[in-house]
């Protein structure tokens, strides 16, 4: 029913042209490329050197999705460093290298650029700080640094703890709608890349295919269905009933807030 509603509404939906901040600098040293957010003048290419020199002192390290993230502090900011890693069966053969087809097609460049555009529009995503792409032959590896979402927990953690309030669920429905309203879809919306920050505000992570879509490419129902499957998978694994009442709140909020 919701997917039908989405289709009816967005069949006449017209994406408006947006003016994105162009304050991004790309530096190159031989086969290393560094992308910097120039909205933050204190940030330089040395941020990666600082991170490497102080890894043993950093505040935390964990696996997250298809990457490894480490929390650290630099330039008076709490930051998150992510190393891109392969998923699926290919990960057993190649862990962190990808085929080079050009700088703008690398995962780090795509995610940094997408996050920058979304953040400038006021969407619920972390602020991108810097990215680094290192090419080696026909392959590359990549890293991304973003600003940390303070005191955040994942939607999955709250689902496991049965800590899903009506306000939080309504915020989730509104947050998903805010992405769609600006023409963005999430490439893999699931319970682990949705963060709940202070005041129950929702944020989305892991945008390695986060460019605005043309009207004919928009299929927003896929985001909703991916999230439903992720919740269902969690429930099956943990022998719990699907939270129908909570899910209905998300759908109802999403569907009743169309501008």
Protein backbone atom coordinates (compact mmCIF):
# COMPACT_ATOMS: atom_id res chain seq x y z
CA UNK A 1 0.00 0.00 0.00
CA UNK A 2 2.75 2.43 0.93
CA UNK A 3 4.71 1.65 -2.24
CA UNK A 4 1.57 2.42 -4.27
CA UNK A 5 1.24 5.74 -2.42
CA UNK A 6 4.86 6.56 -3.14
CA UNK A 7 4.38 5.76 -6.83
CA UNK A 8 1.24 7.91 -7.13
CA UNK A 9 2.83 10.89 -5.45
CA UNK A 10 6.22 10.78 -7.10
CA UNK A 11 4.84 10.15 -10.59
CA UNK A 12 4.37 13.93 -10.71
CA UNK A 13 7.38 14.72 -8.57
CA UNK A 14 9.86 17.11 -10.15
CA UNK A 15 13.38 17.38 -8.78
CA UNK A 16 14.42 20.99 -8.37
CA UNK A 17 17.92 22.08 -9.23
CA UNK A 18 20.00 22.54 -6.10
CA UNK A 19 22.96 24.79 -5.53
CA UNK A 20 25.58 22.76 -3.69
CA UNK A 21 28.56 24.24 -1.91
CA UNK A 22 31.63 23.77 -4.09
CA UNK A 23 34.02 24.18 -1.16
CA UNK A 24 35.91 20.96 -1.87
CA UNK A 25 39.62 20.66 -2.59
CA UNK A 26 41.33 17.70 -4.26
CA UNK A 27 45.07 17.30 -3.76
CA UNK A 28 47.27 14.86 -5.65
CA UNK A 29 50.71 13.50 -4.86
CA UNK A 30 51.68 10.92 -7.45
CA UNK A 31 49.10 8.13 -6.97
CA UNK A 32 47.56 9.47 -3.78
CA UNK A 33 44.47 11.69 -3.90
CA UNK A 34 43.15 13.58 -0.87
CA UNK A 35 39.74 15.28 -0.83
CA UNK A 36 39.16 18.00 1.76
CA UNK A 37 36.07 19.84 2.95
CA UNK A 38 37.08 23.50 2.63
CA UNK A 39 34.16 24.63 4.76
CA UNK A 40 36.51 23.64 7.61
CA UNK A 41 39.67 25.74 7.14
CA UNK A 42 41.60 23.98 9.94
CA UNK A 43 41.47 20.66 8.11
CA UNK A 44 44.49 19.78 5.94
CA UNK A 45 45.93 16.70 4.24
CA UNK A 46 47.90 16.11 7.43
CA UNK A 47 44.76 14.75 9.06
CA UNK A 48 45.57 11.29 7.69
CA UNK A 49 49.17 11.46 8.91
CA UNK A 50 47.92 12.46 12.34
CA UNK A 51 45.46 9.58 12.35
CA UNK A 52 48.15 7.03 11.39
CA UNK A 53 50.64 8.37 13.96
CA UNK A 54 48.11 8.16 16.78
CA UNK A 55 46.08 5.03 16.05
CA UNK A 56 47.25 3.34 19.25
CA UNK A 57 45.78 6.23 21.24
CA UNK A 58 42.43 6.39 19.49
CA UNK A 59 39.21 5.97 21.44
CA UNK A 60 37.69 2.95 19.69
CA UNK A 61 37.77 0.65 16.71
CA UNK A 62 35.05 -1.60 15.35
CA UNK A 63 33.72 -3.30 12.25
CA UNK A 64 30.85 -1.46 10.59
CA UNK A 65 29.11 -2.71 7.47
CA UNK A 66 31.73 -3.29 4.80
CA UNK A 67 34.37 -1.20 6.55
CA UNK A 68 36.38 -0.73 9.70
CA UNK A 69 35.80 2.47 11.66
CA UNK A 70 38.04 4.13 14.26
CA UNK A 71 37.04 7.05 16.46
CA UNK A 72 39.61 9.78 17.05
CA UNK A 73 39.98 13.51 17.69
CA UNK A 74 41.70 16.17 15.57
CA UNK A 75 41.30 19.91 15.03
CA UNK A 76 39.03 20.06 18.09
CA UNK A 77 36.56 17.71 16.40
CA UNK A 78 35.42 14.19 17.26
CA UNK A 79 35.90 12.21 14.07
CA UNK A 80 35.34 8.78 12.55
CA UNK A 81 37.84 7.15 10.17
CA UNK A 82 36.53 4.44 7.85
CA UNK A 83 38.59 2.04 5.74
CA UNK A 84 36.59 0.63 2.85
CA UNK A 85 36.46 -3.16 2.79
CA UNK A 86 34.89 -5.69 0.48
CA UNK A 87 31.71 -7.53 1.34
CA UNK A 88 30.36 -10.88 0.27
CA UNK A 89 32.33 -13.87 -0.97
CA UNK A 90 34.96 -11.78 -2.76
CA UNK A 91 36.11 -10.53 0.64
CA UNK A 92 37.81 -13.90 1.21
CA UNK A 93 40.11 -13.13 -1.74
CA UNK A 94 40.42 -9.34 -1.69
CA UNK A 95 39.70 -7.39 1.49
CA UNK A 96 40.25 -3.70 0.80
CA UNK A 97 41.23 -3.23 -2.85
CA UNK A 98 38.93 -2.16 -5.68
CA UNK A 99 39.36 -1.90 -9.45
CA UNK A 100 40.46 1.59 -10.53
CA UNK A 101 38.17 3.12 -13.17
CA UNK A 102 38.80 6.78 -12.40
CA UNK A 103 38.87 9.03 -9.34
CA UNK A 104 35.23 10.11 -9.47
CA UNK A 105 34.11 6.46 -9.54
CA UNK A 106 35.95 5.46 -6.37
CA UNK A 107 33.83 4.66 -3.34
CA UNK A 108 35.44 7.36 -1.22
CA UNK A 109 34.90 10.09 -3.83
CA UNK A 110 31.28 9.06 -4.40
CA UNK A 111 30.49 8.95 -0.70
CA UNK A 112 32.31 12.19 0.14
CA UNK A 113 30.62 14.04 -2.72
CA UNK A 114 27.19 12.65 -1.85
CA UNK A 115 27.54 13.43 1.85
CA UNK A 116 28.72 16.96 1.06
CA UNK A 117 25.68 17.64 -1.09
CA UNK A 118 23.28 16.14 1.42
CA UNK A 119 24.87 17.87 4.41
CA UNK A 120 24.72 21.23 2.62
CA UNK A 121 20.99 20.63 2.10
CA UNK A 122 20.51 20.03 5.82
CA UNK A 123 19.80 16.31 5.44
CA UNK A 124 20.43 13.90 8.36
CA UNK A 125 23.90 12.63 7.44
CA UNK A 126 27.33 13.09 9.07
CA UNK A 127 29.52 15.96 7.87
CA UNK A 128 32.26 14.73 5.51
CA UNK A 129 35.73 15.90 6.53
CA UNK A 130 38.25 14.25 4.20
CA UNK A 131 38.83 11.26 1.94
CA UNK A 132 41.96 9.55 0.68
CA UNK A 133 42.34 7.29 -2.34
CA UNK A 134 45.62 5.47 -2.97
CA UNK A 135 46.06 3.91 -6.37
CA UNK A 136 48.30 0.89 -6.91
CA UNK A 137 48.42 -0.44 -10.45
CA UNK A 138 44.90 -1.23 -11.61
CA UNK A 139 43.57 -1.22 -8.03
CA UNK A 140 42.98 1.33 -5.27
CA UNK A 141 42.16 1.43 -1.59
CA UNK A 142 40.24 4.20 0.10
CA UNK A 143 39.45 5.90 3.41
CA UNK A 144 36.87 8.41 4.58
CA UNK A 145 36.77 10.70 7.61
CA UNK A 146 33.48 12.14 8.87
CA UNK A 147 32.42 14.03 11.96
CA UNK A 148 31.19 11.76 14.72
CA UNK A 149 27.50 11.73 15.64
CA UNK A 150 27.65 12.38 19.38
CA UNK A 151 26.44 9.63 21.74
CA UNK A 152 24.78 7.70 18.92
CA UNK A 153 23.40 4.16 18.93
CA UNK A 154 22.25 2.15 15.94
CA UNK A 155 18.64 1.38 15.15
CA UNK A 156 19.62 -2.28 15.49
CA UNK A 157 20.84 -1.75 19.05
CA UNK A 158 17.58 -0.04 19.97
CA UNK A 159 15.57 -2.78 18.28
CA UNK A 160 17.46 -5.44 20.24
CA UNK A 161 16.86 -3.57 23.50
CA UNK A 162 13.18 -3.05 22.62
CA UNK A 163 13.79 0.66 22.95
CA UNK A 164 11.79 1.97 20.00
CA UNK A 165 9.66 4.87 21.18
CA UNK A 166 6.89 6.38 19.07
CA UNK A 167 8.83 9.64 18.78
CA UNK A 168 11.92 7.82 17.53
CA UNK A 169 9.89 5.89 14.95
CA UNK A 170 8.19 9.06 13.74
CA UNK A 171 11.61 10.73 13.40
CA UNK A 172 12.75 7.78 11.27
CA UNK A 173 9.79 8.14 8.92
CA UNK A 174 10.42 11.87 8.57
CA UNK A 175 14.16 11.37 8.05
CA UNK A 176 13.64 8.88 5.22
CA UNK A 177 11.15 11.26 3.63
CA UNK A 178 13.64 14.15 3.84
CA UNK A 179 16.15 12.17 1.74
CA UNK A 180 13.54 11.26 -0.83
CA UNK A 181 12.18 14.79 -1.04
CA UNK A 182 15.61 15.98 -2.20
CA UNK A 183 15.98 13.13 -4.70
CA UNK A 184 18.36 10.87 -2.76
CA UNK A 185 18.04 7.14 -2.11
CA UNK A 186 20.08 5.05 0.28
CA UNK A 187 22.00 2.22 -1.46
CA UNK A 188 21.53 -0.21 1.45
CA UNK A 189 19.17 1.04 4.14
CA UNK A 190 19.31 -1.35 7.11
CA UNK A 191 19.14 -1.36 10.90
CA UNK A 192 22.92 -0.93 11.32
CA UNK A 193 23.42 2.21 9.20
CA UNK A 194 20.68 4.19 10.91
CA UNK A 195 21.96 6.09 13.94
CA UNK A 196 19.94 7.64 16.73
CA UNK A 197 21.78 10.62 18.17
CA UNK A 198 21.01 13.11 20.92
CA UNK A 199 17.35 14.06 21.30
CA UNK A 200 16.49 10.94 19.25
CA UNK A 201 17.51 12.61 16.00
CA UNK A 202 18.03 10.17 13.13
CA UNK A 203 21.15 10.02 10.92
CA UNK A 204 22.02 7.78 7.97
CA UNK A 205 25.44 6.24 7.21
CA UNK A 206 27.18 4.41 4.34
CA UNK A 207 26.41 6.26 1.12
CA UNK A 208 28.81 4.79 -1.41
CA UNK A 209 26.29 5.36 -4.23
CA UNK A 210 24.76 8.60 -3.05
CA UNK A 211 24.32 10.80 -6.12
CA UNK A 212 20.99 12.57 -6.75
CA UNK A 213 18.81 10.54 -9.11
CA UNK A 214 16.92 11.61 -12.19
CA UNK A 215 13.14 11.47 -11.95
CA UNK A 216 12.87 8.32 -14.07
CA UNK A 217 15.36 6.53 -11.81
CA UNK A 218 13.54 7.24 -8.56
CA UNK A 219 12.14 4.11 -6.90
CA UNK A 220 11.82 5.20 -3.30
CA UNK A 221 9.84 2.12 -2.32
CA UNK A 222 13.07 0.12 -2.51
CA UNK A 223 14.49 1.97 0.50
CA UNK A 224 11.42 1.12 2.56
CA UNK A 225 11.50 -2.52 1.47
CA UNK A 226 15.22 -2.88 2.24
CA UNK A 227 14.67 -1.61 5.76
CA UNK A 228 11.69 -3.93 6.27
CA UNK A 229 13.76 -6.93 5.15
CA UNK A 230 16.57 -5.91 7.51
CA UNK A 231 14.19 -5.76 10.48
CA UNK A 232 12.61 -9.06 9.46
CA UNK A 233 16.05 -10.71 9.19
CA UNK A 234 16.91 -9.54 12.70
CA UNK A 235 13.64 -10.87 14.08
CA UNK A 236 14.06 -14.29 12.45
CA UNK A 237 17.63 -14.59 13.72
CA UNK A 238 16.58 -13.69 17.26
CA UNK A 239 13.28 -15.63 17.23
CA UNK A 240 11.19 -12.52 17.72
CA UNK A 241 7.95 -11.41 16.14
CA UNK A 242 8.14 -8.67 13.54
CA UNK A 243 7.25 -5.34 15.26
CA UNK A 244 4.12 -4.62 13.23
CA UNK A 245 2.89 -1.76 15.42
CA UNK A 246 6.26 0.02 15.35
CA UNK A 247 6.65 -0.51 11.61
CA UNK A 248 3.20 0.94 11.00
CA UNK A 249 4.23 4.14 12.82
CA UNK A 250 7.21 4.55 10.45
CA UNK A 251 5.03 3.98 7.37
CA UNK A 252 2.23 6.21 8.59
CA UNK A 253 4.62 9.07 9.39
CA UNK A 254 6.40 8.73 6.07
CA UNK A 255 3.14 8.63 4.10
CA UNK A 256 1.37 11.46 5.93
CA UNK A 257 4.15 14.03 5.56
CA UNK A 258 4.27 14.54 1.81
CA UNK A 259 4.70 18.18 0.87
